PDB file of N, CA and C in Angstrom:
ATOM      1  N   MET A   1     103.473  92.403  97.610  1.00  0.00           N
ATOM      2  CA  MET A   1     102.921  93.272  96.653  1.00  0.00           C
ATOM      3  C   MET A   1     102.292  94.462  97.364  1.00  0.00           C
ATOM      4  N   ALA A   2     102.525  95.621  96.804  1.00  0.00           N
ATOM      5  CA  ALA A   2     102.015  96.851  97.466  1.00  0.00           C
ATOM      6  C   ALA A   2     100.961  97.436  96.643  1.00  0.00           C
ATOM      7  N   ARG A   3      99.875  97.736  97.287  1.00  0.00           N
ATOM      8  CA  ARG A   3      98.740  98.339  96.591  1.00  0.00           C
ATOM      9  C   ARG A   3      98.936  99.867  96.378  1.00  0.00           C
ATOM     10  N   ALA A   4      98.389 100.431  95.381  1.00  0.00           N
ATOM     11  CA  ALA A   4      98.591 101.901  95.174  1.00  0.00           C
ATOM     12  C   ALA A   4      98.118 102.654  96.328  1.00  0.00           C
ATOM     13  N   THR A   5      97.119 102.259  97.075  1.00  0.00           N
ATOM     14  CA  THR A   5      96.606 102.998  98.239  1.00  0.00           C
ATOM     15  C   THR A   5      97.508 102.851  99.430  1.00  0.00           C
ATOM     16  N   ASP A   6      98.461 101.906  99.376  1.00  0.00           N
ATOM     17  CA  ASP A   6      99.387 101.726 100.552  1.00  0.00           C
ATOM     18  C   ASP A   6     100.494 102.810 100.600  1.00  0.00           C
ATOM     19  N   TYR A   7     100.650 103.625  99.573  1.00  0.00           N
ATOM     20  CA  TYR A   7     101.771 104.521  99.485  1.00  0.00           C
ATOM     21  C   TYR A   7     101.295 105.954  99.537  1.00  0.00           C
ATOM     22  N   ILE A   8     102.051 106.729 100.281  1.00  0.00           N
ATOM     23  CA  ILE A   8     101.889 108.227 100.260  1.00  0.00           C
ATOM     24  C   ILE A   8     103.218 108.780  99.873  1.00  0.00           C
ATOM     25  N   HIS A   9     103.292 109.433  98.706  1.00  0.00           N
ATOM     26  CA  HIS A   9     104.527 109.882  98.163  1.00  0.00           C
ATOM     27  C   HIS A   9     104.586 111.430  98.218  1.00  0.00           C
ATOM     28  N   ASP A  10     105.823 111.966  98.442  1.00  0.00           N
ATOM     29  CA  ASP A  10     106.007 113.425  98.317  1.00  0.00           C
ATOM     30  C   ASP A  10     106.135 113.858  96.877  1.00  0.00           C
ATOM     31  N   ASP A  11     106.428 112.911  96.003  1.00  0.00           N
ATOM     32  CA  ASP A  11     106.554 113.217  94.584  1.00  0.00           C
ATOM     33  C   ASP A  11     105.199 113.209  93.893  1.00  0.00           C
ATOM     34  N   PRO A  12     104.750 114.390  93.389  1.00  0.00           N
ATOM     35  CA  PRO A  12     103.422 114.454  92.757  1.00  0.00           C
ATOM     36  C   PRO A  12     103.290 113.590  91.525  1.00  0.00           C
ATOM     37  N   GLY A  13     104.443 113.262  90.856  1.00  0.00           N
ATOM     38  CA  GLY A  13     104.409 112.477  89.675  1.00  0.00           C
ATOM     39  C   GLY A  13     104.265 111.005  89.954  1.00  0.00           C
ATOM     40  N   SER A  14     104.295 110.633  91.202  1.00  0.00           N
ATOM     41  CA  SER A  14     104.219 109.193  91.495  1.00  0.00           C
ATOM     42  C   SER A  14     102.832 108.581  91.169  1.00  0.00           C
ATOM     43  N   PHE A  15     101.801 109.380  91.098  1.00  0.00           N
ATOM     44  CA  PHE A  15     100.460 108.874  90.719  1.00  0.00           C
ATOM     45  C   PHE A  15      99.909 109.501  89.474  1.00  0.00           C
ATOM     46  N   THR A  16     100.757 110.286  88.791  1.00  0.00           N
ATOM     47  CA  THR A  16     100.335 110.892  87.511  1.00  0.00           C
ATOM     48  C   THR A  16     100.504 109.830  86.437  1.00  0.00           C
ATOM     49  N   VAL A  17      99.485 109.282  85.909  1.00  0.00           N
ATOM     50  CA  VAL A  17      99.578 108.230  84.896  1.00  0.00           C
ATOM     51  C   VAL A  17      99.901 108.856  83.577  1.00  0.00           C
ATOM     52  N   VAL A  18     100.944 108.336  82.887  1.00  0.00           N
ATOM     53  CA  VAL A  18     101.344 108.864  81.567  1.00  0.00           C
ATOM     54  C   VAL A  18     101.053 107.883  80.451  1.00  0.00           C
ATOM     55  N   GLN A  19     100.860 106.586  80.772  1.00  0.00           N
ATOM     56  CA  GLN A  19     100.578 105.608  79.766  1.00  0.00           C
ATOM     57  C   GLN A  19      99.768 104.458  80.393  1.00  0.00           C
ATOM     58  N   VAL A  20      98.833 103.905  79.553  1.00  0.00           N
ATOM     59  CA  VAL A  20      98.031 102.796  80.014  1.00  0.00           C
ATOM     60  C   VAL A  20      98.087 101.774  78.899  1.00  0.00           C
ATOM     61  N   ALA A  21      98.216 100.482  79.306  1.00  0.00           N
ATOM     62  CA  ALA A  21      98.238  99.355  78.348  1.00  0.00           C
ATOM     63  C   ALA A  21      97.188  98.351  78.810  1.00  0.00           C
ATOM     64  N   ALA A  22      96.459  97.786  77.882  1.00  0.00           N
ATOM     65  CA  ALA A  22      95.432  96.819  78.231  1.00  0.00           C
ATOM     66  C   ALA A  22      95.676  95.514  77.525  1.00  0.00           C
ATOM     67  N   GLY A  23      95.656  94.415  78.334  1.00  0.00           N
ATOM     68  CA  GLY A  23      95.694  93.078  77.747  1.00  0.00           C
ATOM     69  C   GLY A  23      94.331  92.489  77.663  1.00  0.00           C
ATOM     70  N   GLU A  24      94.228  91.224  77.461  1.00  0.00           N
ATOM     71  CA  GLU A  24      92.934  90.565  77.324  1.00  0.00           C
ATOM     72  C   GLU A  24      92.146  90.688  78.628  1.00  0.00           C
ATOM     73  N   ALA A  25      92.722  90.528  79.766  1.00  0.00           N
ATOM     74  CA  ALA A  25      92.007  90.603  81.025  1.00  0.00           C
ATOM     75  C   ALA A  25      92.861  91.241  82.091  1.00  0.00           C
ATOM     76  N   HIS A  26      93.768  92.135  81.748  1.00  0.00           N
ATOM     77  CA  HIS A  26      94.584  92.848  82.726  1.00  0.00           C
ATOM     78  C   HIS A  26      94.949  94.185  82.153  1.00  0.00           C
ATOM     79  N   THR A  27      95.328  95.152  83.031  1.00  0.00           N
ATOM     80  CA  THR A  27      95.679  96.487  82.640  1.00  0.00           C
ATOM     81  C   THR A  27      96.908  96.929  83.455  1.00  0.00           C
ATOM     82  N   LEU A  28      97.752  97.709  82.708  1.00  0.00           N
ATOM     83  CA  LEU A  28      98.965  98.307  83.291  1.00  0.00           C
ATOM     84  C   LEU A  28      98.860  99.815  83.251  1.00  0.00           C
ATOM     85  N   ALA A  29      99.421 100.489  84.228  1.00  0.00           N
ATOM     86  CA  ALA A  29      99.502 101.924  84.229  1.00  0.00           C
ATOM     87  C   ALA A  29     100.937 102.317  84.544  1.00  0.00           C
ATOM     88  N   LEU A  30     101.500 103.237  83.761  1.00  0.00           N
ATOM     89  CA  LEU A  30     102.835 103.798  83.936  1.00  0.00           C
ATOM     90  C   LEU A  30     102.713 105.177  84.515  1.00  0.00           C
ATOM     91  N   THR A  31     103.438 105.460  85.570  1.00  0.00           N
ATOM     92  CA  THR A  31     103.363 106.789  86.218  1.00  0.00           C
ATOM     93  C   THR A  31     104.498 107.651  85.755  1.00  0.00           C
ATOM     94  N   ALA A  32     104.391 108.978  85.978  1.00  0.00           N
ATOM     95  CA  ALA A  32     105.410 109.898  85.520  1.00  0.00           C
ATOM     96  C   ALA A  32     106.758 109.599  86.182  1.00  0.00           C
ATOM     97  N   SER A  33     106.691 109.026  87.406  1.00  0.00           N
ATOM     98  CA  SER A  33     107.973 108.736  88.087  1.00  0.00           C
ATOM     99  C   SER A  33     108.577 107.377  87.683  1.00  0.00           C
ATOM    100  N   GLY A  34     107.962 106.635  86.706  1.00  0.00           N
ATOM    101  CA  GLY A  34     108.504 105.409  86.195  1.00  0.00           C
ATOM    102  C   GLY A  34     108.054 104.157  86.901  1.00  0.00           C
ATOM    103  N   SER A  35     107.043 104.246  87.753  1.00  0.00           N
ATOM    104  CA  SER A  35     106.513 103.051  88.381  1.00  0.00           C
ATOM    105  C   SER A  35     105.430 102.458  87.573  1.00  0.00           C
ATOM    106  N   VAL A  36     105.257 101.147  87.694  1.00  0.00           N
ATOM    107  CA  VAL A  36     104.228 100.431  86.949  1.00  0.00           C
ATOM    108  C   VAL A  36     103.244  99.839  87.966  1.00  0.00           C
ATOM    109  N   TYR A  37     101.932  99.971  87.723  1.00  0.00           N
ATOM    110  CA  TYR A  37     100.878  99.359  88.500  1.00  0.00           C
ATOM    111  C   TYR A  37     100.145  98.514  87.513  1.00  0.00           C
ATOM    112  N   THR A  38      99.619  97.399  88.062  1.00  0.00           N
ATOM    113  CA  THR A  38      98.875  96.440  87.221  1.00  0.00           C
ATOM    114  C   THR A  38      97.679  95.859  88.048  1.00  0.00           C
ATOM    115  N   TRP A  39      96.671  95.503  87.364  1.00  0.00           N
ATOM    116  CA  TRP A  39      95.483  94.881  87.989  1.00  0.00           C
ATOM    117  C   TRP A  39      94.663  94.115  86.933  1.00  0.00           C
ATOM    118  N   GLY A  40      93.906  93.162  87.482  1.00  0.00           N
ATOM    119  CA  GLY A  40      93.103  92.296  86.547  1.00  0.00           C
ATOM    120  C   GLY A  40      93.335  90.811  86.854  1.00  0.00           C
ATOM    121  N   ARG A  41      93.165  90.001  85.864  1.00  0.00           N
ATOM    122  CA  ARG A  41      93.335  88.543  86.028  1.00  0.00           C
ATOM    123  C   ARG A  41      94.830  88.208  86.051  1.00  0.00           C
ATOM    124  N   GLY A  42      95.222  87.454  87.027  1.00  0.00           N
ATOM    125  CA  GLY A  42      96.651  87.069  87.200  1.00  0.00           C
ATOM    126  C   GLY A  42      96.935  85.717  86.570  1.00  0.00           C
ATOM    127  N   GLN A  43      95.996  85.152  85.900  1.00  0.00           N
ATOM    128  CA  GLN A  43      96.192  83.819  85.305  1.00  0.00           C
ATOM    129  C   GLN A  43      97.465  83.841  84.379  1.00  0.00           C
ATOM    130  N   PHE A  44      98.258  82.855  84.439  1.00  0.00           N
ATOM    131  CA  PHE A  44      99.485  82.647  83.666  1.00  0.00           C
ATOM    132  C   PHE A  44     100.580  83.563  84.163  1.00  0.00           C
ATOM    133  N   GLY A  45     100.414  84.306  85.233  1.00  0.00           N
ATOM    134  CA  GLY A  45     101.430  85.244  85.744  1.00  0.00           C
ATOM    135  C   GLY A  45     101.583  86.467  84.838  1.00  0.00           C
ATOM    136  N   ARG A  46     100.569  86.744  84.080  1.00  0.00           N
ATOM    137  CA  ARG A  46     100.662  87.817  83.077  1.00  0.00           C
ATOM    138  C   ARG A  46     100.880  89.198  83.588  1.00  0.00           C
ATOM    139  N   MET A  47     100.695  89.442  84.909  1.00  0.00           N
ATOM    140  CA  MET A  47     100.823  90.797  85.432  1.00  0.00           C
ATOM    141  C   MET A  47     102.253  91.121  85.916  1.00  0.00           C
ATOM    142  N   GLY A  48     103.104  90.100  85.868  1.00  0.00           N
ATOM    143  CA  GLY A  48     104.533  90.400  86.182  1.00  0.00           C
ATOM    144  C   GLY A  48     104.903  90.488  87.664  1.00  0.00           C
ATOM    145  N   MET A  49     104.056  89.963  88.571  1.00  0.00           N
ATOM    146  CA  MET A  49     104.329  90.077  89.961  1.00  0.00           C
ATOM    147  C   MET A  49     104.784  88.726  90.554  1.00  0.00           C
ATOM    148  N   GLY A  50     104.920  87.711  89.736  1.00  0.00           N
ATOM    149  CA  GLY A  50     105.387  86.455  90.250  1.00  0.00           C
ATOM    150  C   GLY A  50     104.290  85.652  90.880  1.00  0.00           C
ATOM    151  N   VAL A  51     103.029  86.041  90.805  1.00  0.00           N
ATOM    152  CA  VAL A  51     101.918  85.284  91.364  1.00  0.00           C
ATOM    153  C   VAL A  51     100.872  85.091  90.301  1.00  0.00           C
ATOM    154  N   PHE A  52      99.940  84.210  90.556  1.00  0.00           N
ATOM    155  CA  PHE A  52      98.924  83.899  89.603  1.00  0.00           C
ATOM    156  C   PHE A  52      97.516  84.291  90.079  1.00  0.00           C
ATOM    157  N   GLN A  53      97.427  85.163  91.053  1.00  0.00           N
ATOM    158  CA  GLN A  53      96.144  85.542  91.578  1.00  0.00           C
ATOM    159  C   GLN A  53      95.633  86.828  90.937  1.00  0.00           C
ATOM    160  N   ASP A  54      94.296  86.994  90.984  1.00  0.00           N
ATOM    161  CA  ASP A  54      93.713  88.221  90.452  1.00  0.00           C
ATOM    162  C   ASP A  54      93.973  89.361  91.386  1.00  0.00           C
ATOM    163  N   GLU A  55      94.116  90.545  90.859  1.00  0.00           N
ATOM    164  CA  GLU A  55      94.217  91.757  91.636  1.00  0.00           C
ATOM    165  C   GLU A  55      93.111  92.735  91.200  1.00  0.00           C
ATOM    166  N   LEU A  56      92.282  93.186  92.137  1.00  0.00           N
ATOM    167  CA  LEU A  56      91.169  94.008  91.839  1.00  0.00           C
ATOM    168  C   LEU A  56      91.543  95.485  91.897  1.00  0.00           C
ATOM    169  N   GLU A  57      92.623  95.807  92.541  1.00  0.00           N
ATOM    170  CA  GLU A  57      93.096  97.194  92.732  1.00  0.00           C
ATOM    171  C   GLU A  57      94.449  97.297  92.060  1.00  0.00           C
ATOM    172  N   PRO A  58      94.780  98.544  91.616  1.00  0.00           N
ATOM    173  CA  PRO A  58      96.177  98.753  91.101  1.00  0.00           C
ATOM    174  C   PRO A  58      97.221  98.321  92.095  1.00  0.00           C
ATOM    175  N   THR A  59      98.196  97.509  91.648  1.00  0.00           N
ATOM    176  CA  THR A  59      99.210  96.969  92.527  1.00  0.00           C
ATOM    177  C   THR A  59     100.562  97.281  91.949  1.00  0.00           C
ATOM    178  N   LEU A  60     101.482  97.818  92.766  1.00  0.00           N
ATOM    179  CA  LEU A  60     102.804  98.142  92.311  1.00  0.00           C
ATOM    180  C   LEU A  60     103.564  96.939  91.858  1.00  0.00           C
ATOM    181  N   VAL A  61     104.200  96.968  90.715  1.00  0.00           N
ATOM    182  CA  VAL A  61     105.077  95.880  90.208  1.00  0.00           C
ATOM    183  C   VAL A  61     106.461  96.254  90.618  1.00  0.00           C
ATOM    184  N   GLU A  62     107.120  95.392  91.362  1.00  0.00           N
ATOM    185  CA  GLU A  62     108.534  95.630  91.782  1.00  0.00           C
ATOM    186  C   GLU A  62     109.408  95.162  90.613  1.00  0.00           C
ATOM    187  N   ILE A  63     110.188  96.080  90.085  1.00  0.00           N
ATOM    188  CA  ILE A  63     111.031  95.780  88.956  1.00  0.00           C
ATOM    189  C   ILE A  63     112.448  95.950  89.313  1.00  0.00           C
ATOM    190  N   GLY A  64     113.276  94.959  89.027  1.00  0.00           N
ATOM    191  CA  GLY A  64     114.673  94.974  89.414  1.00  0.00           C
ATOM    192  C   GLY A  64     115.504  94.196  88.403  1.00  0.00           C
ATOM    193  N   ALA A  65     116.728  94.562  88.166  1.00  0.00           N
ATOM    194  CA  ALA A  65     117.572  93.837  87.262  1.00  0.00           C
ATOM    195  C   ALA A  65     118.152  92.582  87.945  1.00  0.00           C
ATOM    196  N   THR A  66     118.385  91.535  87.187  1.00  0.00           N
ATOM    197  CA  THR A  66     119.073  90.388  87.727  1.00  0.00           C
ATOM    198  C   THR A  66     120.239  90.058  86.907  1.00  0.00           C
ATOM    199  N   VAL A  67     121.282  89.475  87.528  1.00  0.00           N
ATOM    200  CA  VAL A  67     122.438  89.005  86.810  1.00  0.00           C
ATOM    201  C   VAL A  67     122.694  87.561  87.267  1.00  0.00           C
ATOM    202  N   GLU A  68     123.448  86.847  86.462  1.00  0.00           N
ATOM    203  CA  GLU A  68     123.770  85.465  86.848  1.00  0.00           C
ATOM    204  C   GLU A  68     125.064  85.425  87.686  1.00  0.00           C
ATOM    205  N   GLU A  69     125.010  84.663  88.759  1.00  0.00           N
ATOM    206  CA  GLU A  69     126.217  84.417  89.559  1.00  0.00           C
ATOM    207  C   GLU A  69     127.032  83.303  88.845  1.00  0.00           C
ATOM    208  N   ASP A  70     128.216  83.060  89.373  1.00  0.00           N
ATOM    209  CA  ASP A  70     129.070  82.017  88.792  1.00  0.00           C
ATOM    210  C   ASP A  70     128.340  80.639  88.778  1.00  0.00           C
ATOM    211  N   ASN A  71     127.402  80.407  89.719  1.00  0.00           N
ATOM    212  CA  ASN A  71     126.690  79.157  89.750  1.00  0.00           C
ATOM    213  C   ASN A  71     125.580  79.081  88.801  1.00  0.00           C
ATOM    214  N   GLY A  72     125.323  80.172  88.032  1.00  0.00           N
ATOM    215  CA  GLY A  72     124.280  80.198  87.036  1.00  0.00           C
ATOM    216  C   GLY A  72     122.914  80.576  87.519  1.00  0.00           C
ATOM    217  N   LEU A  73     122.802  80.872  88.832  1.00  0.00           N
ATOM    218  CA  LEU A  73     121.507  81.230  89.418  1.00  0.00           C
ATOM    219  C   LEU A  73     121.394  82.751  89.374  1.00  0.00           C
ATOM    220  N   PRO A  74     120.157  83.249  89.031  1.00  0.00           N
ATOM    221  CA  PRO A  74     119.974  84.704  88.982  1.00  0.00           C
ATOM    222  C   PRO A  74     119.993  85.304  90.346  1.00  0.00           C
ATOM    223  N   THR A  75     120.481  86.509  90.450  1.00  0.00           N
ATOM    224  CA  THR A  75     120.467  87.282  91.766  1.00  0.00           C
ATOM    225  C   THR A  75     120.198  88.752  91.382  1.00  0.00           C
ATOM    226  N   ARG A  76     119.669  89.457  92.334  1.00  0.00           N
ATOM    227  CA  ARG A  76     119.399  90.888  92.076  1.00  0.00           C
ATOM    228  C   ARG A  76     120.668  91.668  91.945  1.00  0.00           C
ATOM    229  N   ASP A  77     120.694  92.579  90.945  1.00  0.00           N
ATOM    230  CA  ASP A  77     121.809  93.482  90.748  1.00  0.00           C
ATOM    231  C   ASP A  77     121.400  94.870  91.259  1.00  0.00           C
ATOM    232  N   ASP A  78     121.916  95.321  92.416  1.00  0.00           N
ATOM    233  CA  ASP A  78     121.449  96.573  92.953  1.00  0.00           C
ATOM    234  C   ASP A  78     122.289  97.763  92.469  1.00  0.00           C
ATOM    235  N   ARG A  79     123.256  97.548  91.578  1.00  0.00           N
ATOM    236  CA  ARG A  79     124.003  98.675  91.035  1.00  0.00           C
ATOM    237  C   ARG A  79     123.057  99.490  90.151  1.00  0.00           C
ATOM    238  N   ASP A  80     123.039 100.765  90.444  1.00  0.00           N
ATOM    239  CA  ASP A  80     122.174 101.691  89.618  1.00  0.00           C
ATOM    240  C   ASP A  80     120.709 101.197  89.587  1.00  0.00           C
ATOM    241  N   SER A  81     120.267 100.607  90.660  1.00  0.00           N
ATOM    242  CA  SER A  81     118.936  99.998  90.624  1.00  0.00           C
ATOM    243  C   SER A  81     117.863 101.012  90.389  1.00  0.00           C
ATOM    244  N   ALA A  82     118.095 102.253  90.873  1.00  0.00           N
ATOM    245  CA  ALA A  82     117.025 103.292  90.702  1.00  0.00           C
ATOM    246  C   ALA A  82     116.800 103.537  89.172  1.00  0.00           C
ATOM    247  N   GLU A  83     117.927 103.674  88.430  1.00  0.00           N
ATOM    248  CA  GLU A  83     117.846 103.914  87.040  1.00  0.00           C
ATOM    249  C   GLU A  83     117.334 102.731  86.234  1.00  0.00           C
ATOM    250  N   ARG A  84     117.771 101.505  86.696  1.00  0.00           N
ATOM    251  CA  ARG A  84     117.426 100.285  85.944  1.00  0.00           C
ATOM    252  C   ARG A  84     115.936 100.016  86.140  1.00  0.00           C
ATOM    253  N   SER A  85     115.329 100.419  87.283  1.00  0.00           N
ATOM    254  CA  SER A  85     113.982 100.098  87.558  1.00  0.00           C
ATOM    255  C   SER A  85     113.013 101.204  87.091  1.00  0.00           C
ATOM    256  N   ARG A  86     113.510 102.314  86.594  1.00  0.00           N
ATOM    257  CA  ARG A  86     112.621 103.397  86.095  1.00  0.00           C
ATOM    258  C   ARG A  86     112.111 103.009  84.758  1.00  0.00           C
ATOM    259  N   VAL A  87     110.858 102.717  84.646  1.00  0.00           N
ATOM    260  CA  VAL A  87     110.243 102.270  83.404  1.00  0.00           C
ATOM    261  C   VAL A  87     109.833 103.455  82.554  1.00  0.00           C
ATOM    262  N   THR A  88     110.119 103.318  81.249  1.00  0.00           N
ATOM    263  CA  THR A  88     109.802 104.418  80.320  1.00  0.00           C
ATOM    264  C   THR A  88     108.632 104.083  79.366  1.00  0.00           C
ATOM    265  N   GLN A  89     108.394 102.790  79.185  1.00  0.00           N
ATOM    266  CA  GLN A  89     107.305 102.370  78.291  1.00  0.00           C
ATOM    267  C   GLN A  89     106.745 101.078  78.726  1.00  0.00           C
ATOM    268  N   ILE A  90     105.454 100.869  78.483  1.00  0.00           N
ATOM    269  CA  ILE A  90     104.786  99.622  78.807  1.00  0.00           C
ATOM    270  C   ILE A  90     103.949  99.110  77.649  1.00  0.00           C
ATOM    271  N   ALA A  91     103.696  97.792  77.596  1.00  0.00           N
ATOM    272  CA  ALA A  91     102.831  97.197  76.596  1.00  0.00           C
ATOM    273  C   ALA A  91     102.194  95.972  77.247  1.00  0.00           C
ATOM    274  N   ALA A  92     101.056  95.546  76.642  1.00  0.00           N
ATOM    275  CA  ALA A  92     100.391  94.323  77.133  1.00  0.00           C
ATOM    276  C   ALA A  92      99.764  93.590  75.968  1.00  0.00           C
ATOM    277  N   GLY A  93      99.770  92.248  76.135  1.00  0.00           N
ATOM    278  CA  GLY A  93      99.090  91.392  75.145  1.00  0.00           C
ATOM    279  C   GLY A  93      98.119  90.565  75.893  1.00  0.00           C
ATOM    280  N   ALA A  94      97.615  89.565  75.170  1.00  0.00           N
ATOM    281  CA  ALA A  94      96.586  88.666  75.793  1.00  0.00           C
ATOM    282  C   ALA A  94      97.108  88.049  77.070  1.00  0.00           C
ATOM    283  N   TYR A  95      98.314  87.521  77.041  1.00  0.00           N
ATOM    284  CA  TYR A  95      98.835  86.739  78.202  1.00  0.00           C
ATOM    285  C   TYR A  95     100.195  87.246  78.680  1.00  0.00           C
ATOM    286  N   HIS A  96     100.587  88.458  78.380  1.00  0.00           N
ATOM    287  CA  HIS A  96     101.883  88.976  78.782  1.00  0.00           C
ATOM    288  C   HIS A  96     101.808  90.441  79.052  1.00  0.00           C
ATOM    289  N   SER A  97     102.841  90.962  79.719  1.00  0.00           N
ATOM    290  CA  SER A  97     103.069  92.366  79.975  1.00  0.00           C
ATOM    291  C   SER A  97     104.538  92.651  79.678  1.00  0.00           C
ATOM    292  N   LEU A  98     104.799  93.834  79.181  1.00  0.00           N
ATOM    293  CA  LEU A  98     106.180  94.246  78.884  1.00  0.00           C
ATOM    294  C   LEU A  98     106.455  95.570  79.487  1.00  0.00           C
ATOM    295  N   ALA A  99     107.702  95.818  79.965  1.00  0.00           N
ATOM    296  CA  ALA A  99     108.134  97.110  80.509  1.00  0.00           C
ATOM    297  C   ALA A  99     109.557  97.370  80.032  1.00  0.00           C
ATOM    298  N   LEU A 100     109.792  98.501  79.521  1.00  0.00           N
ATOM    299  CA  LEU A 100     111.117  98.939  79.086  1.00  0.00           C
ATOM    300  C   LEU A 100     111.655  99.786  80.173  1.00  0.00           C
ATOM    301  N   ALA A 101     112.777  99.356  80.780  1.00  0.00           N
ATOM    302  CA  ALA A 101     113.390 100.055  81.886  1.00  0.00           C
ATOM    303  C   ALA A 101     114.855 100.377  81.681  1.00  0.00           C
ATOM    304  N   GLY A 102     115.290 101.509  82.122  1.00  0.00           N
ATOM    305  CA  GLY A 102     116.705 101.912  81.961  1.00  0.00           C
ATOM    306  C   GLY A 102     117.080 102.126  80.509  1.00  0.00           C
ATOM    307  N   SER A 103     118.370 102.125  80.236  1.00  0.00           N
ATOM    308  CA  SER A 103     118.854 102.372  78.862  1.00  0.00           C
ATOM    309  C   SER A 103     119.167 101.041  78.176  1.00  0.00           C
ATOM    310  N   ILE A 104     118.938 100.996  76.904  1.00  0.00           N
ATOM    311  CA  ILE A 104     119.310  99.787  76.153  1.00  0.00           C
ATOM    312  C   ILE A 104     120.751  99.827  75.723  1.00  0.00           C
ATOM    313  N   PHE A 105     121.414 100.988  75.914  1.00  0.00           N
ATOM    314  CA  PHE A 105     122.860 101.093  75.583  1.00  0.00           C
ATOM    315  C   PHE A 105     123.652 101.360  76.847  1.00  0.00           C
ATOM    316  N   PRO A 106     124.852 100.716  76.967  1.00  0.00           N
ATOM    317  CA  PRO A 106     125.669 100.932  78.175  1.00  0.00           C
ATOM    318  C   PRO A 106     126.172 102.300  78.315  1.00  0.00           C
TER     319      PRO A 106
END
């Protein structure tokens, strides 16, 4: 997991927050460049980082598409990964977080 303070970007939109969503005990922030940062209570994995620990500082959520291999196991799909991982909207509930990335139409 990468903390917001770990990155120095040439893109000024990378830290311009365009949307904020608040759950019961966690918060998400969407930047102009389509990145999602989250912090708060990690109980139930609600922050989407694959861990259950609390994060006190904004932490980048790594978003990537997965596809199923012939054996039925998920694997990362790197085709058009930049577009697929650019988030356009976020939402949060008591125990979950949602992110809309890429296009819903092929």
